[in-house]
Each structure stands twice: as structure tokens, then as C-alpha cells.
């Protein structure tokens, strides 16, 4: 669920929606690399080694892009 707060002078409006926003890493979704990183993050969360407050898609996508941009993973994996 996405929550947005908008302030109008003395008045505040909170909007909640179930609409999922696109992220800039859509091209990596459902790749072997994406699923591997997602599983690894899931294990870290299960073990309580990390706590994530950012949308996981942004974290997973950023890591996929970084690994490919630095030549550690070939494009398309």
C-alpha cells in the first residue's frame, strides 16, 4: 500500500492506494539474477540479519544494474 501526504496550508490530506508504481528496473524482473538476489535478501530478512524499509524492487533492481554495469554479470541474465 502506498501512502502519500499532501499539505495545503493548515490542512493535510492523506491518500492511500493499493496501486503499484512502476520502478526503473522492470527489465531485470523475473531474470535468474533478479530471483537469486531476491532469494538472498529473503534469507537475510528471515534470519533477521537485515531490515528493509525501502520497496525491495528498488533494492533488487539496483543491485542487478550495478552488477551488470560493472561487468560482473553478463547482460540478459
C-alpha atoms as a PDB file:
ATOM      1  CA  UNK A   1       0.000   0.000   0.000  1.00  0.00           C
ATOM      2  CA  UNK A   2       1.284   3.440  -0.894  1.00  0.00           C
ATOM      3  CA  UNK A   3       0.599   6.363   1.404  1.00  0.00           C
ATOM      4  CA  UNK A   4       1.056   9.949   0.249  1.00  0.00           C
ATOM      5  CA  UNK A   5       0.690  13.017   2.415  1.00  0.00           C
ATOM      6  CA  UNK A   6      -0.130  16.358   0.777  1.00  0.00           C
ATOM      7  CA  UNK A   7      -0.176  19.615   2.731  1.00  0.00           C
ATOM      8  CA  UNK A   8      -2.455  22.521   1.815  1.00  0.00           C
ATOM      9  CA  UNK A   9      -1.662  25.380   4.180  1.00  0.00           C
ATOM     10  CA  UNK A  10      -3.116  24.282   7.520  1.00  0.00           C
ATOM     11  CA  UNK A  11      -4.874  21.262   6.049  1.00  0.00           C
ATOM     12  CA  UNK A  12      -3.261  17.882   5.317  1.00  0.00           C
ATOM     13  CA  UNK A  13      -4.638  15.166   3.072  1.00  0.00           C
ATOM     14  CA  UNK A  14      -3.517  11.545   3.232  1.00  0.00           C
ATOM     15  CA  UNK A  15      -4.134   9.328   0.237  1.00  0.00           C
ATOM     16  CA  UNK A  16      -3.765   5.573   0.428  1.00  0.00           C
ATOM     17  CA  UNK A  17      -3.850   3.354  -2.614  1.00  0.00           C
ATOM     18  CA  UNK A  18      -3.080  -0.238  -3.486  1.00  0.00           C
ATOM     19  CA  UNK A  19      -1.806   0.794  -6.916  1.00  0.00           C
ATOM     20  CA  UNK A  20       1.740  -0.435  -7.507  1.00  0.00           C
ATOM     21  CA  UNK A  21       4.023   2.110  -9.103  1.00  0.00           C
ATOM     22  CA  UNK A  22       6.493   1.056 -11.778  1.00  0.00           C
ATOM     23  CA  UNK A  23      10.166   1.168 -10.971  1.00  0.00           C
ATOM     24  CA  UNK A  24      13.148   1.791 -13.266  1.00  0.00           C
ATOM     25  CA  UNK A  25      14.380  -1.820 -13.055  1.00  0.00           C
ATOM     26  CA  UNK A  26      11.474  -3.642 -14.737  1.00  0.00           C
ATOM     27  CA  UNK A  27      13.791  -5.147 -17.377  1.00  0.00           C
ATOM     28  CA  UNK A  28      15.551  -7.191 -14.678  1.00  0.00           C
ATOM     29  CA  UNK A  29      12.401  -8.692 -13.146  1.00  0.00           C
ATOM     30  CA  UNK A  30      11.987 -12.464 -13.475  1.00  0.00           C
ATOM     31  CA  UNK A  31      15.593 -12.960 -14.581  1.00  0.00           C
ATOM     32  CA  UNK A  32      17.865 -15.503 -12.945  1.00  0.00           C
ATOM     33  CA  UNK A  33      19.872 -12.652 -11.399  1.00  0.00           C
ATOM     34  CA  UNK A  34      16.747 -10.938 -10.009  1.00  0.00           C
ATOM     35  CA  UNK A  35      15.430 -14.163  -8.476  1.00  0.00           C
ATOM     36  CA  UNK A  36      18.823 -15.035  -6.974  1.00  0.00           C
ATOM     37  CA  UNK A  37      19.177 -11.635  -5.304  1.00  0.00           C
ATOM     38  CA  UNK A  38      15.539 -11.715  -4.167  1.00  0.00           C
ATOM     39  CA  UNK A  39      16.068 -15.142  -2.553  1.00  0.00           C
ATOM     40  CA  UNK A  40      19.266 -13.987  -0.842  1.00  0.00           C
ATOM     41  CA  UNK A  41      17.541 -10.892   0.560  1.00  0.00           C
ATOM     42  CA  UNK A  42      14.651 -13.092   1.712  1.00  0.00           C
ATOM     43  CA  UNK A  43      17.065 -15.314   3.623  1.00  0.00           C
ATOM     44  CA  UNK A  44      18.710 -12.301   5.257  1.00  0.00           C
ATOM     45  CA  UNK A  45      15.284 -10.991   6.308  1.00  0.00           C
ATOM     46  CA  UNK A  46      14.218 -14.403   7.635  1.00  0.00           C
ATOM     47  CA  UNK A  47      17.412 -14.630   9.694  1.00  0.00           C
ATOM     48  CA  UNK A  48      16.786 -11.073  10.905  1.00  0.00           C
ATOM     49  CA  UNK A  49      20.190 -10.025   9.567  1.00  0.00           C
ATOM     50  CA  UNK A  50      18.642  -7.049   7.748  1.00  0.00           C
ATOM     51  CA  UNK A  51      15.511  -4.948   7.957  1.00  0.00           C
ATOM     52  CA  UNK A  52      14.296  -3.303   4.772  1.00  0.00           C
ATOM     53  CA  UNK A  53      12.069  -0.248   4.705  1.00  0.00           C
ATOM     54  CA  UNK A  54      12.569   0.575   1.003  1.00  0.00           C
ATOM     55  CA  UNK A  55      10.493  -1.196  -1.639  1.00  0.00           C
ATOM     56  CA  UNK A  56      12.502  -4.370  -2.320  1.00  0.00           C
ATOM     57  CA  UNK A  57      12.116  -3.992  -6.080  1.00  0.00           C
ATOM     58  CA  UNK A  58      14.292  -0.870  -5.962  1.00  0.00           C
ATOM     59  CA  UNK A  59      16.990  -2.651  -3.952  1.00  0.00           C
ATOM     60  CA  UNK A  60      16.985  -5.801  -6.090  1.00  0.00           C
ATOM     61  CA  UNK A  61      16.908  -3.787  -9.319  1.00  0.00           C
ATOM     62  CA  UNK A  62      19.721  -1.510  -8.198  1.00  0.00           C
ATOM     63  CA  UNK A  63      21.899  -4.496  -7.344  1.00  0.00           C
ATOM     64  CA  UNK A  64      21.127  -6.178 -10.696  1.00  0.00           C
ATOM     65  CA  UNK A  65      22.000  -3.000 -12.595  1.00  0.00           C
ATOM     66  CA  UNK A  66      25.175  -2.410 -10.584  1.00  0.00           C
ATOM     67  CA  UNK A  67      26.428  -5.957 -11.122  1.00  0.00           C
ATOM     68  CA  UNK A  68      25.798  -5.732 -14.866  1.00  0.00           C
ATOM     69  CA  UNK A  69      27.154  -2.173 -15.246  1.00  0.00           C
ATOM     70  CA  UNK A  70      30.408  -3.259 -13.577  1.00  0.00           C
ATOM     71  CA  UNK A  71      30.757  -6.294 -15.827  1.00  0.00           C
ATOM     72  CA  UNK A  72      30.326  -8.852 -13.037  1.00  0.00           C
ATOM     73  CA  UNK A  73      27.206 -10.356 -14.642  1.00  0.00           C
ATOM     74  CA  UNK A  74      26.646 -10.572 -18.420  1.00  0.00           C
ATOM     75  CA  UNK A  75      23.669  -8.623 -19.805  1.00  0.00           C
ATOM     76  CA  UNK A  76      20.432 -10.612 -20.055  1.00  0.00           C
ATOM     77  CA  UNK A  77      20.948 -12.859 -17.009  1.00  0.00           C
END
